[in-house]
N, C-alpha and C. Protein backbone atom coordinates (compact mmCIF):
# COMPACT_ATOMS: atom_id res chain seq x y z
N MET A 1 -115.76 -30.94 35.39
CA MET A 1 -115.12 -30.03 34.47
C MET A 1 -113.73 -29.71 35.04
N ALA A 2 -112.71 -29.94 34.25
CA ALA A 2 -111.34 -29.70 34.69
C ALA A 2 -111.01 -28.21 34.57
N ALA A 3 -110.40 -27.68 35.61
CA ALA A 3 -110.01 -26.27 35.60
C ALA A 3 -108.75 -26.10 34.75
N PRO A 4 -108.61 -24.96 34.09
CA PRO A 4 -107.38 -24.68 33.38
C PRO A 4 -106.23 -24.51 34.38
N THR A 5 -105.01 -24.62 33.88
CA THR A 5 -103.84 -24.45 34.74
C THR A 5 -102.94 -23.35 34.19
N ILE A 6 -102.26 -22.67 35.11
CA ILE A 6 -101.31 -21.63 34.71
C ILE A 6 -100.00 -21.84 35.44
N THR A 7 -98.95 -21.24 34.87
CA THR A 7 -97.64 -21.14 35.50
C THR A 7 -97.22 -19.69 35.37
N ALA A 8 -96.82 -19.09 36.47
CA ALA A 8 -96.35 -17.70 36.46
C ALA A 8 -94.87 -17.71 36.83
N THR A 9 -94.09 -16.90 36.11
CA THR A 9 -92.65 -16.87 36.35
C THR A 9 -92.19 -15.45 36.62
N ALA A 10 -91.03 -15.35 37.24
CA ALA A 10 -90.42 -14.04 37.44
C ALA A 10 -90.29 -13.39 36.07
N GLY A 11 -90.40 -12.08 36.03
CA GLY A 11 -90.46 -11.39 34.75
C GLY A 11 -91.89 -11.17 34.31
N ASN A 12 -92.83 -11.66 35.15
CA ASN A 12 -94.26 -11.44 34.94
C ASN A 12 -94.81 -12.10 33.69
N PHE A 13 -94.36 -13.32 33.40
CA PHE A 13 -94.91 -14.10 32.30
C PHE A 13 -95.87 -15.15 32.86
N VAL A 14 -97.02 -15.31 32.20
CA VAL A 14 -98.00 -16.31 32.59
C VAL A 14 -98.27 -17.18 31.37
N THR A 15 -98.14 -18.50 31.54
CA THR A 15 -98.52 -19.44 30.50
C THR A 15 -99.60 -20.34 31.07
N GLY A 16 -100.44 -20.85 30.19
CA GLY A 16 -101.52 -21.70 30.68
C GLY A 16 -102.03 -22.64 29.61
N ALA A 17 -102.79 -23.64 30.07
CA ALA A 17 -103.39 -24.62 29.17
C ALA A 17 -104.75 -25.03 29.73
N GLY A 18 -105.59 -25.58 28.85
CA GLY A 18 -106.90 -26.07 29.27
C GLY A 18 -108.00 -25.02 29.23
N PHE A 19 -107.72 -23.88 28.61
CA PHE A 19 -108.74 -22.83 28.45
C PHE A 19 -109.54 -23.11 27.18
N LEU A 20 -110.66 -22.43 27.02
CA LEU A 20 -111.43 -22.53 25.79
C LEU A 20 -110.61 -21.94 24.64
N PRO A 21 -110.59 -22.60 23.47
CA PRO A 21 -109.82 -22.09 22.34
C PRO A 21 -110.34 -20.75 21.82
N ASP A 22 -109.41 -19.89 21.40
CA ASP A 22 -109.75 -18.59 20.81
C ASP A 22 -110.79 -17.85 21.66
N HIS A 23 -110.50 -17.70 22.92
CA HIS A 23 -111.48 -17.17 23.86
C HIS A 23 -110.85 -16.07 24.72
N ASP A 24 -111.67 -15.13 25.16
CA ASP A 24 -111.19 -14.10 26.08
C ASP A 24 -110.92 -14.71 27.45
N VAL A 25 -109.82 -14.28 28.05
CA VAL A 25 -109.41 -14.75 29.37
C VAL A 25 -109.16 -13.52 30.24
N THR A 26 -109.56 -13.60 31.49
CA THR A 26 -109.25 -12.55 32.46
C THR A 26 -108.24 -13.10 33.45
N ILE A 27 -107.15 -12.36 33.61
CA ILE A 27 -106.15 -12.70 34.61
C ILE A 27 -106.33 -11.76 35.79
N ARG A 28 -106.46 -12.36 36.98
CA ARG A 28 -106.58 -11.58 38.22
C ARG A 28 -105.22 -11.58 38.91
N VAL A 29 -104.70 -10.38 39.17
CA VAL A 29 -103.45 -10.22 39.91
C VAL A 29 -103.80 -9.55 41.23
N THR A 30 -103.56 -10.27 42.32
CA THR A 30 -103.85 -9.74 43.64
C THR A 30 -102.54 -9.31 44.29
N TYR A 31 -102.49 -8.04 44.64
CA TYR A 31 -101.32 -7.47 45.31
C TYR A 31 -101.59 -7.57 46.81
N THR A 32 -100.99 -8.55 47.45
CA THR A 32 -101.33 -8.83 48.85
C THR A 32 -100.93 -7.70 49.78
N ALA A 33 -99.83 -7.02 49.53
CA ALA A 33 -99.38 -5.94 50.41
C ALA A 33 -100.37 -4.77 50.40
N GLU A 34 -101.01 -4.52 49.26
CA GLU A 34 -101.95 -3.42 49.14
C GLU A 34 -103.40 -3.86 49.27
N ASP A 35 -103.63 -5.17 49.31
CA ASP A 35 -104.98 -5.73 49.41
C ASP A 35 -105.90 -5.24 48.28
N ILE A 36 -105.36 -5.24 47.05
CA ILE A 36 -106.14 -4.87 45.87
C ILE A 36 -105.89 -5.90 44.76
N SER A 37 -106.78 -5.93 43.78
CA SER A 37 -106.63 -6.82 42.63
C SER A 37 -106.82 -6.04 41.34
N ASP A 38 -106.06 -6.43 40.33
CA ASP A 38 -106.24 -5.93 38.97
C ASP A 38 -106.77 -7.07 38.13
N TYR A 39 -107.62 -6.74 37.15
CA TYR A 39 -108.17 -7.72 36.23
C TYR A 39 -107.73 -7.30 34.83
N LEU A 40 -106.98 -8.19 34.16
CA LEU A 40 -106.38 -7.89 32.86
C LEU A 40 -106.94 -8.83 31.80
N ALA A 41 -107.21 -8.30 30.60
CA ALA A 41 -107.81 -9.08 29.52
C ALA A 41 -106.74 -9.58 28.54
N TYR A 42 -106.85 -10.87 28.22
CA TYR A 42 -105.98 -11.52 27.23
C TYR A 42 -106.84 -12.46 26.41
N ALA A 43 -106.23 -13.17 25.47
CA ALA A 43 -106.97 -14.15 24.65
C ALA A 43 -106.12 -15.41 24.51
N THR A 44 -106.81 -16.54 24.37
CA THR A 44 -106.11 -17.81 24.17
C THR A 44 -105.90 -18.04 22.68
N GLY A 45 -105.02 -18.99 22.40
CA GLY A 45 -104.78 -19.39 21.02
C GLY A 45 -105.76 -20.47 20.60
N PRO A 46 -105.60 -21.00 19.39
CA PRO A 46 -106.54 -21.98 18.84
C PRO A 46 -106.55 -23.31 19.60
N ASP A 47 -105.52 -23.58 20.40
CA ASP A 47 -105.47 -24.82 21.18
C ASP A 47 -105.87 -24.61 22.64
N GLY A 48 -106.31 -23.40 22.99
CA GLY A 48 -106.69 -23.11 24.36
C GLY A 48 -105.51 -22.80 25.26
N ASP A 49 -104.36 -22.51 24.64
CA ASP A 49 -103.17 -22.14 25.41
C ASP A 49 -103.15 -20.64 25.64
N LEU A 50 -102.53 -20.25 26.74
CA LEU A 50 -102.44 -18.84 27.11
C LEU A 50 -100.97 -18.46 27.25
N TYR A 51 -100.61 -17.32 26.70
CA TYR A 51 -99.31 -16.72 26.91
C TYR A 51 -99.55 -15.24 27.15
N ALA A 52 -99.15 -14.76 28.31
CA ALA A 52 -99.41 -13.36 28.65
C ALA A 52 -98.20 -12.78 29.37
N GLU A 53 -97.85 -11.58 28.99
CA GLU A 53 -96.82 -10.82 29.69
C GLU A 53 -97.55 -9.75 30.48
N LEU A 54 -97.47 -9.84 31.80
CA LEU A 54 -98.16 -8.88 32.66
C LEU A 54 -97.40 -7.57 32.69
N PRO A 55 -98.09 -6.45 32.85
CA PRO A 55 -97.41 -5.17 32.97
C PRO A 55 -96.53 -5.14 34.23
N THR A 56 -95.47 -4.39 34.15
CA THR A 56 -94.60 -4.21 35.31
C THR A 56 -95.34 -3.43 36.38
N SER A 57 -95.14 -3.85 37.62
CA SER A 57 -95.85 -3.20 38.73
C SER A 57 -94.85 -2.75 39.78
N PRO A 58 -95.10 -1.59 40.37
CA PRO A 58 -94.23 -1.14 41.45
C PRO A 58 -94.57 -1.79 42.80
N ALA A 59 -95.54 -2.70 42.80
CA ALA A 59 -95.98 -3.33 44.04
C ALA A 59 -94.85 -4.13 44.67
N THR A 60 -94.85 -4.17 45.98
CA THR A 60 -93.90 -4.99 46.70
C THR A 60 -94.64 -6.18 47.29
N GLY A 61 -93.92 -7.20 47.62
CA GLY A 61 -94.53 -8.38 48.21
C GLY A 61 -95.05 -9.33 47.16
N PRO A 62 -95.62 -10.44 47.61
CA PRO A 62 -96.08 -11.47 46.67
C PRO A 62 -97.30 -11.03 45.87
N LEU A 63 -97.37 -11.53 44.63
CA LEU A 63 -98.51 -11.33 43.75
C LEU A 63 -99.16 -12.70 43.56
N HIS A 64 -100.47 -12.78 43.75
CA HIS A 64 -101.21 -14.01 43.53
C HIS A 64 -101.96 -13.88 42.21
N ILE A 65 -101.75 -14.86 41.32
CA ILE A 65 -102.26 -14.77 39.95
C ILE A 65 -103.14 -15.97 39.65
N ALA A 66 -104.31 -15.70 39.08
CA ALA A 66 -105.23 -16.75 38.62
C ALA A 66 -105.88 -16.27 37.32
N ALA A 67 -106.47 -17.20 36.57
CA ALA A 67 -107.08 -16.83 35.30
C ALA A 67 -108.39 -17.58 35.10
N THR A 68 -109.30 -16.96 34.35
CA THR A 68 -110.57 -17.58 34.02
C THR A 68 -110.93 -17.28 32.57
N ASP A 69 -111.58 -18.27 31.93
CA ASP A 69 -112.13 -18.04 30.58
C ASP A 69 -113.64 -17.84 30.66
N HIS A 70 -114.12 -17.56 31.86
CA HIS A 70 -115.50 -17.17 32.14
C HIS A 70 -116.50 -18.31 32.08
N ARG A 71 -116.01 -19.56 32.20
CA ARG A 71 -116.95 -20.67 32.34
C ARG A 71 -117.58 -20.60 33.72
N ILE A 72 -118.82 -21.02 33.80
CA ILE A 72 -119.57 -20.96 35.05
C ILE A 72 -119.14 -22.09 35.99
N ASP A 73 -118.97 -21.74 37.27
CA ASP A 73 -118.72 -22.70 38.34
C ASP A 73 -119.38 -22.15 39.60
N PRO A 74 -120.52 -22.71 40.00
CA PRO A 74 -121.24 -22.15 41.14
C PRO A 74 -120.42 -22.13 42.43
N ASP A 75 -119.39 -22.97 42.51
CA ASP A 75 -118.56 -23.00 43.71
C ASP A 75 -117.32 -22.12 43.60
N GLY A 76 -117.08 -21.52 42.45
CA GLY A 76 -115.89 -20.71 42.23
C GLY A 76 -116.10 -19.26 42.64
N ALA A 77 -115.00 -18.54 42.77
CA ALA A 77 -115.06 -17.11 43.09
C ALA A 77 -115.85 -16.39 42.01
N CYS A 78 -116.80 -15.58 42.40
CA CYS A 78 -117.67 -14.83 41.48
C CYS A 78 -118.48 -15.75 40.57
N GLY A 79 -118.63 -17.03 40.95
CA GLY A 79 -119.40 -17.97 40.14
C GLY A 79 -118.70 -18.44 38.88
N LEU A 80 -117.35 -18.27 38.82
CA LEU A 80 -116.58 -18.63 37.64
C LEU A 80 -115.59 -19.74 37.94
N LEU A 81 -115.20 -20.48 36.91
CA LEU A 81 -114.16 -21.50 37.00
C LEU A 81 -112.81 -20.81 36.85
N TRP A 82 -111.98 -20.87 37.89
CA TRP A 82 -110.66 -20.24 37.89
C TRP A 82 -109.56 -21.30 37.81
N SER A 83 -108.43 -20.91 37.29
CA SER A 83 -107.26 -21.78 37.28
C SER A 83 -106.70 -21.90 38.69
N ASN A 84 -105.64 -22.67 38.79
CA ASN A 84 -104.86 -22.70 40.02
C ASN A 84 -104.29 -21.30 40.27
N VAL A 85 -103.89 -21.03 41.49
CA VAL A 85 -103.28 -19.75 41.85
C VAL A 85 -101.77 -19.91 41.88
N GLN A 86 -101.08 -19.01 41.22
CA GLN A 86 -99.62 -18.97 41.24
C GLN A 86 -99.17 -17.74 42.01
N THR A 87 -98.03 -17.84 42.67
CA THR A 87 -97.49 -16.71 43.43
C THR A 87 -96.11 -16.36 42.90
N ILE A 88 -95.90 -15.09 42.63
CA ILE A 88 -94.56 -14.59 42.30
C ILE A 88 -94.27 -13.41 43.20
N LEU A 89 -93.01 -13.12 43.39
CA LEU A 89 -92.62 -12.01 44.24
C LEU A 89 -92.61 -10.72 43.43
N GLY A 90 -93.21 -9.66 43.99
CA GLY A 90 -93.18 -8.34 43.36
C GLY A 90 -91.82 -7.70 43.55
N SER A 91 -91.68 -6.49 43.10
CA SER A 91 -90.41 -5.76 43.19
C SER A 91 -89.89 -5.68 44.60
């Protein structure tokens, strides 16, 4: 099973492909400086593409971003299939 892929850019935009069509997606944003993660809910379009604008964060340091459409993967974090991890710099 091929994992979906994402690209994260400055300005907190995340785009992705290879997700289940018209499906709920969870984006995990890990704030490495604070050692915490936020989980944000979005939805894919009819082709399984993802476009998400993340909320602005006062966090400093790098942000690690991954996404899942909740498909099962026994070897994945929390038993889920996750996308690649992207890193962007926080404020």
